[in-house]
Amino acid sequence: MLKRVIQFAFLFIGGTLGLFILPPLYELIHLSSNPWLNNPYTSVAIGALILFGFSFLLSDYFVKFIKWMEEKLLKAPVGDLLFGTLGLIIGLIVAYLIGFAIDSIKIPIVTTILPILLSIVLGYLGFQVGFKKRDELINVFTSGKSHSGSKKKAAEEPEIPDSMYKLLDTSVIIDGRIADISETGFVEGILVVPQFVLTELQHIADSSDTLKRTRGRRGLDILRKLQDERASHVLITEVDFDDVQEVDLKLVRLAKKMGGQILTNDFNLNKVCDLHNVKVLNINDLANAVKPVVIPGEEMHVVVIKDGKEHNQGVAYLDDGTMIVVEEGRSYIGQAIVVTVTSVLQTSAGRMIFAKPKQNGRIA
């Protein structure tokens, strides 16, 4: 069907071009005296037949081009399309106004072809400017309102959006704790999973390495669990950035475009987000923040399970995985004892507690 429409368009355009272009061409090659060629219907028929013949060679390429454009437009955000369309309209209006000046030249070929070329060029430029400068245009139109209402907003409480986008990266999906956090209701807004993150997750799930394959499948199971629990609050977006190869950079650019936050437990991505001024929520930071607080002098019941790095040290662990270094605890390995906290050290790897055995503190 689309191919037939394109061939009909070629037929119509060929007839129009034949009506305007062929008569001047007859004059140049001294055939205007021929009464048969001088008939406008003949020029329309010749032009239509010529372009209709070309349509059989070019229609397949036009069909592929239109389908490619359709795919790109469906993936593009609605805001980008809106501003791109406005830019296209402005470009066509400018081309139309320039056409008035061209009409005064009175050269048939120039007055016929040049307006068409101007419409194509200025329409394309207008669309590109509107499409790629959307954020800047929004800032231009809203800057006046923001200045006039700044005093009122200062006195009022800042408005918090009803829904904030929180973009999930591959590491936090595979980690799995986001599903438990989401179930508790502490994560508000919409969880966004970009298609390029899903693609990376699928590649991991299809890996020949057993460990990677298991991690990838676990990540897909976590996504399914999130969808089942949060229903419409999980959004899978098709937005992509073909000019960027790294998934982390794509995620940062998408967060900027959507005005959202990135949920991750990747330390390096955390640093990249800080450099790009993108808000990031690190699951590891949350886990460290909710660990029980201990203070020096507090007593704890622990089981010493192995040697420490230093001489005569023992190591124990709390239920949440926090490591306790017991001074002079090597002799208590395998035993449950009472220890007294001496100091607490917070490191990038987590919290570490130093303690020493309480005298006569062994648990019977």
Protein backbone atom coordinates (compact mmCIF):
# COMPACT_ATOMS: atom_id res chain seq x y z
CA MET A 1 0.00 0.00 0.00
CA LEU A 2 2.77 2.44 0.94
CA LYS A 3 4.58 1.67 -2.32
CA ARG A 4 1.44 2.52 -4.33
CA VAL A 5 1.04 5.81 -2.48
CA ILE A 6 4.66 6.72 -3.27
CA GLN A 7 4.17 5.88 -6.96
CA PHE A 8 1.03 8.03 -7.07
CA ALA A 9 2.97 10.87 -5.42
CA PHE A 10 5.68 10.51 -8.09
CA LEU A 11 2.97 10.67 -10.77
CA PHE A 12 1.47 13.85 -9.31
CA ILE A 13 4.84 15.55 -8.76
CA GLY A 14 5.98 14.58 -12.26
CA GLY A 15 2.87 16.12 -13.81
CA THR A 16 3.35 19.34 -11.82
CA LEU A 17 7.03 19.62 -12.72
CA GLY A 18 6.22 18.88 -16.37
CA LEU A 19 3.71 21.73 -16.46
CA PHE A 20 6.19 24.30 -15.13
CA ILE A 21 9.58 23.06 -16.36
CA LEU A 22 8.99 21.54 -19.80
CA PRO A 23 7.62 24.67 -21.61
CA PRO A 24 10.77 26.76 -20.85
CA LEU A 25 12.83 23.71 -21.83
CA TYR A 26 11.03 23.58 -25.21
CA GLU A 27 11.98 27.20 -25.80
CA LEU A 28 15.64 26.51 -25.05
CA ILE A 29 15.80 23.66 -27.56
CA HIS A 30 13.58 25.51 -30.09
CA LEU A 31 10.60 23.13 -29.96
CA SER A 32 8.02 25.61 -28.70
CA SER A 33 6.58 26.05 -32.20
CA ASN A 34 5.36 22.46 -32.21
CA PRO A 35 1.62 22.68 -31.46
CA TRP A 36 1.52 19.22 -29.93
CA LEU A 37 4.31 19.97 -27.44
CA ASN A 38 2.91 23.43 -26.77
CA ASN A 39 -0.22 21.88 -25.27
CA PRO A 40 0.00 22.05 -21.39
CA TYR A 41 -1.73 18.69 -21.05
CA THR A 42 1.07 17.14 -23.07
CA SER A 43 3.69 18.61 -20.75
CA VAL A 44 1.79 17.27 -17.72
CA ALA A 45 1.52 13.81 -19.27
CA ILE A 46 5.21 13.68 -20.25
CA GLY A 47 6.39 14.82 -16.82
CA ALA A 48 4.05 12.36 -15.05
CA LEU A 49 5.17 9.44 -17.20
CA ILE A 50 8.87 10.21 -16.73
CA LEU A 51 8.67 10.42 -12.94
CA PHE A 52 6.27 7.47 -12.78
CA GLY A 53 8.88 5.42 -14.62
CA PHE A 54 11.52 6.46 -12.08
CA SER A 55 9.15 5.48 -9.27
CA PHE A 56 9.59 1.78 -10.12
CA LEU A 57 13.33 2.17 -9.46
CA LEU A 58 13.13 4.44 -6.40
CA SER A 59 9.91 3.45 -4.60
CA ASP A 60 11.54 0.61 -2.60
CA TYR A 61 14.21 2.98 -1.29
CA PHE A 62 11.54 5.51 -0.32
CA VAL A 63 9.56 2.82 1.50
CA LYS A 64 12.66 1.82 3.50
CA PHE A 65 13.41 5.46 4.27
CA ILE A 66 9.85 6.15 5.47
CA LYS A 67 9.86 3.06 7.72
CA TRP A 68 13.24 4.09 9.12
CA MET A 69 11.89 7.60 9.83
CA GLU A 70 8.78 6.09 11.46
CA GLU A 71 10.93 3.97 13.77
CA LYS A 72 13.06 6.97 14.76
CA LEU A 73 10.03 9.18 15.41
CA LEU A 74 8.35 6.54 17.58
CA LYS A 75 11.48 6.28 19.73
CA ALA A 76 11.91 10.06 20.09
CA PRO A 77 10.41 11.78 23.17
CA VAL A 78 7.16 13.68 22.62
CA GLY A 79 8.74 16.96 23.78
CA ASP A 80 11.48 16.73 21.18
CA LEU A 81 8.95 16.04 18.43
CA LEU A 82 6.77 18.97 19.53
CA PHE A 83 9.60 21.49 19.47
CA GLY A 84 10.97 19.99 16.26
CA THR A 85 7.58 20.44 14.60
CA LEU A 86 7.35 24.04 15.78
CA GLY A 87 10.82 24.67 14.34
CA LEU A 88 9.75 23.06 11.06
CA ILE A 89 6.70 25.34 10.85
CA ILE A 90 8.78 28.45 11.52
CA GLY A 91 11.31 27.38 8.88
CA LEU A 92 8.55 26.88 6.29
CA ILE A 93 7.05 30.29 7.12
CA VAL A 94 10.44 31.95 6.61
CA ALA A 95 10.85 30.10 3.29
CA TYR A 96 7.38 31.28 2.21
CA LEU A 97 8.21 34.90 3.02
CA ILE A 98 11.47 34.70 1.09
CA GLY A 99 9.45 33.35 -1.83
CA PHE A 100 7.77 36.75 -2.23
CA ALA A 101 11.15 38.36 -2.93
CA ILE A 102 12.04 35.59 -5.39
CA ASP A 103 8.82 36.13 -7.37
CA SER A 104 10.04 39.59 -8.40
CA ILE A 105 13.01 38.08 -10.29
CA LYS A 106 10.68 36.85 -13.07
CA ILE A 107 12.93 33.96 -14.10
CA PRO A 108 10.67 30.90 -14.55
CA ILE A 109 13.12 28.19 -13.47
CA VAL A 110 14.41 30.18 -10.48
CA THR A 111 10.94 31.17 -9.24
CA THR A 112 9.82 27.54 -9.52
CA ILE A 113 12.76 25.55 -8.13
CA LEU A 114 14.34 27.93 -5.59
CA PRO A 115 11.26 28.20 -3.30
CA ILE A 116 11.12 24.40 -3.17
CA LEU A 117 14.79 24.17 -2.22
CA LEU A 118 14.37 26.91 0.39
CA SER A 119 11.38 25.11 1.91
CA ILE A 120 13.38 21.88 2.18
CA VAL A 121 16.53 23.51 3.61
CA LEU A 122 14.86 25.96 6.02
CA GLY A 123 12.27 23.38 7.11
CA TYR A 124 15.06 20.90 7.91
CA LEU A 125 17.11 23.50 9.77
CA GLY A 126 14.06 24.65 11.75
CA PHE A 127 13.25 21.07 12.75
CA GLN A 128 16.85 20.38 13.84
CA VAL A 129 17.06 23.59 15.89
CA GLY A 130 13.76 22.91 17.63
CA PHE A 131 14.62 19.24 18.18
CA LYS A 132 18.11 19.72 19.59
CA LYS A 133 17.65 23.04 21.42
CA ARG A 134 14.50 22.09 23.29
CA ASP A 135 15.90 22.65 26.78
CA GLU A 136 17.39 26.04 25.87
CA LEU A 137 14.12 27.17 24.28
CA ILE A 138 12.20 26.14 27.39
CA ASN A 139 14.62 28.13 29.55
CA VAL A 140 14.18 31.19 27.31
CA PHE A 141 10.37 31.11 27.55
CA THR A 142 10.28 30.33 31.27
CA SER A 143 13.07 32.64 32.46
CA GLY A 144 10.78 35.68 32.55
CA LYS A 145 8.16 33.86 34.58
CA SER A 146 10.76 32.52 36.99
CA HIS A 147 12.18 36.00 37.65
CA SER A 148 8.74 37.58 38.17
CA GLY A 149 7.62 34.86 40.53
CA SER A 150 10.88 34.35 42.41
CA LYS A 151 9.80 36.38 45.44
CA LYS A 152 6.55 34.47 45.77
CA LYS A 153 8.28 31.12 45.44
CA ALA A 154 10.84 32.09 48.08
CA ALA A 155 8.07 32.63 50.61
CA GLU A 156 6.25 29.45 49.70
CA GLU A 157 7.33 25.87 50.19
CA PRO A 158 9.02 24.35 47.14
CA GLU A 159 6.71 22.19 45.10
CA ILE A 160 7.65 18.55 44.97
CA PRO A 161 6.63 16.76 41.76
CA ASP A 162 4.04 14.04 42.13
CA SER A 163 6.25 11.52 40.36
CA MET A 164 10.02 11.52 39.97
CA TYR A 165 11.84 9.32 37.53
CA LYS A 166 14.39 6.97 39.07
CA LEU A 167 16.55 5.26 36.47
CA LEU A 168 17.88 1.79 37.27
CA ASP A 169 21.30 0.71 36.07
CA THR A 170 22.38 -2.88 35.42
CA SER A 171 24.26 -3.32 38.71
CA VAL A 172 21.35 -2.34 40.94
CA ILE A 173 18.97 -4.64 39.04
CA ILE A 174 21.30 -7.63 39.36
CA ASP A 175 21.95 -6.79 43.04
CA GLY A 176 18.26 -7.35 43.74
CA ARG A 177 17.90 -5.27 46.91
CA ILE A 178 15.92 -2.64 45.00
CA ALA A 179 12.96 -5.05 44.86
CA ASP A 180 12.91 -5.37 48.67
CA ILE A 181 13.31 -1.60 49.13
CA SER A 182 10.53 -0.95 46.62
CA GLU A 183 8.24 -3.40 48.39
CA THR A 184 8.58 -1.45 51.64
CA GLY A 185 7.37 1.73 49.91
CA PHE A 186 10.46 3.83 50.58
CA VAL A 187 11.08 4.40 46.84
CA GLU A 188 8.61 6.92 45.44
CA GLY A 189 7.94 7.89 41.86
CA ILE A 190 8.42 5.87 38.68
CA LEU A 191 11.20 3.34 38.22
CA VAL A 192 12.60 3.73 34.70
CA VAL A 193 14.41 0.89 32.93
CA PRO A 194 15.98 2.05 29.62
CA GLN A 195 15.97 -0.37 26.72
CA PHE A 196 19.78 -0.20 26.45
CA VAL A 197 20.03 -1.42 30.07
CA LEU A 198 17.68 -4.28 29.24
CA THR A 199 19.83 -5.13 26.22
CA GLU A 200 22.97 -5.24 28.36
CA LEU A 201 21.15 -7.39 30.91
CA GLN A 202 20.06 -9.78 28.16
CA HIS A 203 23.64 -10.06 26.88
CA ILE A 204 24.77 -10.97 30.40
CA ALA A 205 21.98 -13.55 30.69
CA ASP A 206 23.07 -15.10 27.36
CA SER A 207 26.76 -15.20 28.33
CA SER A 208 28.70 -18.46 28.05
CA ASP A 209 30.12 -17.83 31.54
CA THR A 210 27.93 -19.61 34.11
CA LEU A 211 28.29 -16.92 36.80
CA LYS A 212 27.45 -14.07 34.42
CA ARG A 213 24.50 -16.02 33.00
CA THR A 214 23.13 -16.61 36.49
CA ARG A 215 23.51 -12.93 37.41
CA GLY A 216 21.78 -11.84 34.21
CA ARG A 217 18.83 -14.16 34.74
CA ARG A 218 18.56 -13.00 38.33
CA GLY A 219 18.35 -9.41 37.07
CA LEU A 220 15.52 -10.30 34.66
CA ASP A 221 13.67 -12.03 37.50
CA ILE A 222 14.08 -8.93 39.68
CA LEU A 223 12.55 -6.75 36.93
CA ARG A 224 9.60 -9.09 36.65
CA LYS A 225 9.15 -8.94 40.43
CA LEU A 226 9.23 -5.12 40.32
CA GLN A 227 6.60 -5.05 37.58
CA ASP A 228 4.33 -7.43 39.49
CA GLU A 229 4.61 -5.42 42.71
CA ARG A 230 4.49 -1.86 41.37
CA ALA A 231 2.21 -2.45 38.34
CA SER A 232 2.24 0.76 36.23
CA HIS A 233 5.04 2.38 38.25
CA VAL A 234 7.76 0.63 36.21
CA LEU A 235 8.46 2.33 32.87
CA ILE A 236 10.54 0.78 30.09
CA THR A 237 11.67 3.56 27.75
CA GLU A 238 12.94 3.15 24.19
CA VAL A 239 14.96 6.40 24.27
CA ASP A 240 18.53 5.78 23.13
CA PHE A 241 21.60 7.79 22.16
CA ASP A 242 23.23 6.34 19.08
CA ASP A 243 26.24 8.67 19.34
CA VAL A 244 27.20 7.21 22.75
CA GLN A 245 28.49 3.65 23.18
CA GLU A 246 28.91 3.35 26.98
CA VAL A 247 25.76 2.36 28.87
CA ASP A 248 26.71 4.49 31.90
CA LEU A 249 27.02 7.67 29.80
CA LYS A 250 23.72 6.90 28.07
CA LEU A 251 22.13 6.58 31.51
CA VAL A 252 23.56 9.94 32.60
CA ARG A 253 22.28 11.67 29.45
CA LEU A 254 18.84 10.11 29.86
CA ALA A 255 18.72 11.25 33.50
CA LYS A 256 19.50 14.80 32.36
CA LYS A 257 16.82 14.64 29.65
CA MET A 258 14.13 13.27 31.96
CA GLY A 259 15.20 15.26 35.03
CA GLY A 260 15.40 12.07 37.06
CA GLN A 261 17.73 10.34 39.49
CA ILE A 262 19.91 7.26 38.97
CA LEU A 263 19.61 4.28 41.30
CA THR A 264 22.86 2.32 41.44
CA ASN A 265 25.40 0.57 43.64
CA ASP A 266 28.26 1.17 41.18
CA PHE A 267 30.91 3.35 42.83
CA ASN A 268 32.35 4.52 39.49
CA LEU A 269 28.94 5.49 38.09
CA ASN A 270 28.34 7.38 41.33
CA LYS A 271 31.45 9.50 40.62
CA VAL A 272 30.47 10.07 36.97
CA CYS A 273 27.03 11.30 38.07
CA ASP A 274 28.67 13.73 40.50
CA LEU A 275 30.81 15.14 37.66
CA HIS A 276 27.72 15.63 35.46
CA ASN A 277 25.64 17.11 38.33
CA VAL A 278 23.13 14.26 38.10
CA LYS A 279 21.41 13.17 41.30
CA VAL A 280 22.27 9.60 42.27
CA LEU A 281 20.88 7.26 44.93
CA ASN A 282 23.41 4.62 45.95
CA ILE A 283 21.98 1.44 47.48
CA ASN A 284 25.24 0.79 49.34
CA ASP A 285 25.04 4.21 51.02
CA LEU A 286 21.48 3.41 52.07
CA ALA A 287 22.55 0.03 53.46
CA ASN A 288 25.34 1.65 55.49
CA ALA A 289 22.98 4.34 56.78
CA VAL A 290 20.44 1.87 58.17
CA LYS A 291 22.95 -0.37 59.94
CA PRO A 292 22.54 -0.34 63.72
CA VAL A 293 24.51 2.38 65.47
CA VAL A 294 27.01 1.28 68.10
CA ILE A 295 29.00 3.47 70.45
CA PRO A 296 32.25 2.85 72.34
CA GLY A 297 31.62 1.10 75.64
CA GLU A 298 28.59 -0.83 74.36
CA GLU A 299 28.56 -4.58 74.97
CA MET A 300 27.74 -7.10 72.24
CA HIS A 301 27.32 -10.88 72.00
CA VAL A 302 29.34 -12.25 69.09
CA VAL A 303 30.87 -15.48 67.79
CA VAL A 304 34.54 -15.26 66.82
CA ILE A 305 34.91 -17.23 63.59
CA LYS A 306 38.44 -16.65 62.23
CA ASP A 307 41.83 -14.97 62.65
CA GLY A 308 42.32 -11.27 62.04
CA LYS A 309 45.05 -9.65 59.96
CA GLU A 310 47.04 -8.44 62.95
CA HIS A 311 48.65 -10.56 65.68
CA ASN A 312 46.25 -12.18 68.14
CA GLN A 313 43.13 -10.68 66.51
CA GLY A 314 39.82 -12.47 65.95
CA VAL A 315 37.02 -11.58 63.55
CA ALA A 316 33.27 -11.78 64.10
CA TYR A 317 30.28 -10.57 62.09
CA LEU A 318 26.89 -9.07 62.90
CA ASP A 319 23.72 -10.31 61.21
CA ASP A 320 23.88 -7.46 58.66
CA GLY A 321 27.45 -8.40 57.67
CA THR A 322 29.27 -5.70 59.66
CA MET A 323 32.76 -6.94 60.58
CA ILE A 324 33.89 -6.84 64.20
CA VAL A 325 37.64 -6.98 64.87
CA VAL A 326 38.19 -8.44 68.33
CA GLU A 327 41.55 -7.54 69.87
CA GLU A 328 43.12 -10.51 71.66
CA GLY A 329 40.29 -12.62 70.33
CA ARG A 330 42.27 -15.30 68.53
CA SER A 331 42.02 -17.66 71.46
CA TYR A 332 38.20 -17.40 71.36
CA ILE A 333 37.76 -18.69 67.78
CA GLY A 334 34.60 -20.78 67.55
CA GLN A 335 33.27 -19.46 70.86
CA ALA A 336 30.41 -17.07 71.70
CA ILE A 337 31.68 -14.25 73.92
CA VAL A 338 30.70 -10.80 75.16
CA VAL A 339 32.83 -7.98 73.78
CA THR A 340 33.07 -4.28 74.59
CA VAL A 341 33.15 -1.84 71.65
CA THR A 342 36.28 0.33 71.65
CA SER A 343 35.85 2.28 68.36
CA VAL A 344 33.87 2.38 65.11
CA LEU A 345 35.43 3.06 61.71
CA GLN A 346 33.35 4.04 58.66
CA THR A 347 35.09 3.19 55.38
CA SER A 348 34.02 3.15 51.71
CA ALA A 349 33.62 -0.61 52.01
CA GLY A 350 31.27 -0.28 54.99
CA ARG A 351 31.36 -0.02 58.76
CA MET A 352 34.02 -1.75 60.86
CA ILE A 353 33.76 -2.19 64.62
CA PHE A 354 36.75 -2.70 66.91
CA ALA A 355 36.16 -4.43 70.26
CA LYS A 356 37.88 -6.37 73.00
CA PRO A 357 36.67 -9.32 75.05
CA LYS A 358 34.96 -8.57 78.32
CA GLN A 359 36.59 -10.34 81.18
CA ASN A 360 34.58 -13.37 82.24
CA GLY A 361 32.29 -12.56 79.33
CA ARG A 362 32.10 -16.02 77.77
CA ILE A 363 28.58 -17.25 77.15
CA ALA A 364 27.90 -20.63 78.68
